[in-house]
Amino acid sequence: MPYTINGQPSAIAEEPHDQDGTVYVPYKQVLEALGGTVTWDNSTKTAAGTVGQWTATFMLSADTADVNGTTVQFPAPSYVDNGELYVPAEFFHNAYGYNVTANGTAVSIGV
């Protein structure tokens, strides 16, 4: 299983993948596995994901997000593939403070 969430194997449907040295993961599926929620505004192409006290809001293809009023940098821009929004795995550290370990075939995100 390629995902470990909070120390436990997690059945996330979309595999992590490496693009130019950045490991991407499906944002909504990973955030929900962490106990969070995601909303998507298709008219503005904006995602808002909340987990715990943190809410990250960002536009598709952006390389920054607003997290509770503070700008946070993505290691690389988000994108959509087959209807799934992908973000760099490291974004979960930058936006939500999780420990993240990622390579092309395995991702671990947790406290």
Protein backbone atom coordinates (compact mmCIF):
# COMPACT_ATOMS: atom_id res chain seq x y z
CA MET A 1 0.00 0.00 0.00
CA PRO A 2 1.65 3.27 -1.05
CA TYR A 3 0.11 5.46 1.68
CA THR A 4 0.66 5.53 5.42
CA ILE A 5 -1.58 8.04 7.21
CA ASN A 6 -0.93 8.69 10.91
CA GLY A 7 1.07 5.46 11.12
CA GLN A 8 -1.57 3.23 9.51
CA PRO A 9 -1.75 1.87 5.95
CA SER A 10 -4.44 3.76 4.04
CA ALA A 11 -6.42 2.62 1.00
CA ILE A 12 -6.35 5.73 -1.18
CA ALA A 13 -7.52 5.00 -4.71
CA GLU A 14 -5.08 7.19 -6.63
CA GLU A 15 -1.39 6.32 -6.53
CA PRO A 16 1.22 8.95 -5.65
CA HIS A 17 3.37 9.91 -8.59
CA ASP A 18 6.61 11.76 -9.23
CA GLN A 19 6.79 14.63 -11.70
CA ASP A 20 10.16 16.27 -12.16
CA GLY A 21 11.26 15.31 -8.63
CA THR A 22 8.03 16.33 -6.87
CA VAL A 23 5.75 13.62 -5.45
CA TYR A 24 2.06 14.46 -5.98
CA VAL A 25 -0.92 13.03 -4.11
CA PRO A 26 -4.71 13.38 -4.53
CA TYR A 27 -5.60 16.31 -2.26
CA LYS A 28 -9.17 15.43 -1.28
CA GLN A 29 -8.52 11.73 -0.64
CA VAL A 30 -5.45 12.37 1.51
CA LEU A 31 -7.07 15.21 3.46
CA GLU A 32 -10.16 13.08 4.14
CA ALA A 33 -7.90 10.22 5.32
CA LEU A 34 -6.41 12.74 7.79
CA GLY A 35 -9.93 13.53 9.05
CA GLY A 36 -10.36 16.75 7.09
CA THR A 37 -12.85 18.09 4.57
CA VAL A 38 -12.48 19.73 1.17
CA THR A 39 -14.75 22.01 -0.82
CA TRP A 40 -14.30 22.91 -4.48
CA ASP A 41 -15.67 26.00 -6.24
CA ASN A 42 -15.69 25.07 -9.91
CA SER A 43 -16.48 28.62 -11.07
CA THR A 44 -13.28 30.02 -9.53
CA LYS A 45 -11.30 26.74 -9.58
CA THR A 46 -10.62 27.17 -5.86
CA ALA A 47 -10.16 24.44 -3.24
CA ALA A 48 -10.54 24.92 0.50
CA GLY A 49 -9.37 22.12 2.77
CA THR A 50 -9.80 22.07 6.53
CA VAL A 51 -8.19 19.72 9.01
CA GLY A 52 -8.14 20.58 12.69
CA GLN A 53 -7.78 24.32 13.14
CA TRP A 54 -6.15 24.88 9.73
CA THR A 55 -7.90 25.85 6.49
CA ALA A 56 -5.87 26.09 3.29
CA THR A 57 -7.45 27.88 0.32
CA PHE A 58 -5.84 27.91 -3.11
CA MET A 59 -6.63 28.16 -6.80
CA LEU A 60 -5.90 25.43 -9.33
CA SER A 61 -2.35 25.71 -10.74
CA ALA A 62 -1.32 28.04 -7.93
CA ASP A 63 1.97 27.62 -6.12
CA THR A 64 0.74 29.35 -2.95
CA ALA A 65 -2.17 28.89 -0.57
CA ASP A 66 -3.75 31.03 2.11
CA VAL A 67 -3.65 29.13 5.41
CA ASN A 68 -5.62 30.97 8.09
CA GLY A 69 -4.48 34.32 6.67
CA THR A 70 -0.83 33.37 6.05
CA THR A 71 0.59 32.71 2.58
CA VAL A 72 2.18 29.25 2.31
CA GLN A 73 4.34 28.16 -0.62
CA PHE A 74 3.78 24.95 -2.59
CA PRO A 75 6.95 23.16 -3.75
CA ALA A 76 5.24 23.02 -7.19
CA PRO A 77 1.80 24.03 -8.57
CA SER A 78 -1.35 21.96 -8.11
CA TYR A 79 -3.06 20.40 -11.12
CA VAL A 80 -6.05 18.25 -12.12
CA ASP A 81 -5.77 14.86 -13.80
CA ASN A 82 -8.87 12.79 -14.66
CA GLY A 83 -11.01 15.00 -12.41
CA GLU A 84 -8.69 14.60 -9.38
CA LEU A 85 -6.90 17.58 -7.81
CA TYR A 86 -3.25 16.80 -7.07
CA VAL A 87 -0.89 18.69 -4.77
CA PRO A 88 2.73 18.05 -3.82
CA ALA A 89 2.86 15.73 -0.79
CA GLU A 90 5.06 18.29 0.97
CA PHE A 91 2.10 20.70 0.93
CA PHE A 92 0.63 18.77 3.88
CA HIS A 93 3.68 19.79 5.90
CA ASN A 94 3.73 23.41 4.73
CA ALA A 95 -0.01 24.00 5.17
CA TYR A 96 -1.02 21.70 8.03
CA GLY A 97 2.22 20.91 9.88
CA TYR A 98 2.21 17.16 9.23
CA ASN A 99 5.42 15.16 9.01
CA VAL A 100 5.77 14.05 5.37
CA THR A 101 8.04 11.46 3.83
CA ALA A 102 7.58 10.88 0.11
CA ASN A 103 9.24 9.14 -2.78
CA GLY A 104 7.77 8.07 -6.11
CA THR A 105 6.11 4.92 -4.70
CA ALA A 106 5.38 5.58 -1.03
CA VAL A 107 4.00 8.48 0.99
CA SER A 108 3.79 8.77 4.76
CA ILE A 109 1.86 11.70 6.29
CA GLY A 110 1.13 12.06 9.97
CA VAL A 111 1.75 13.69 13.30
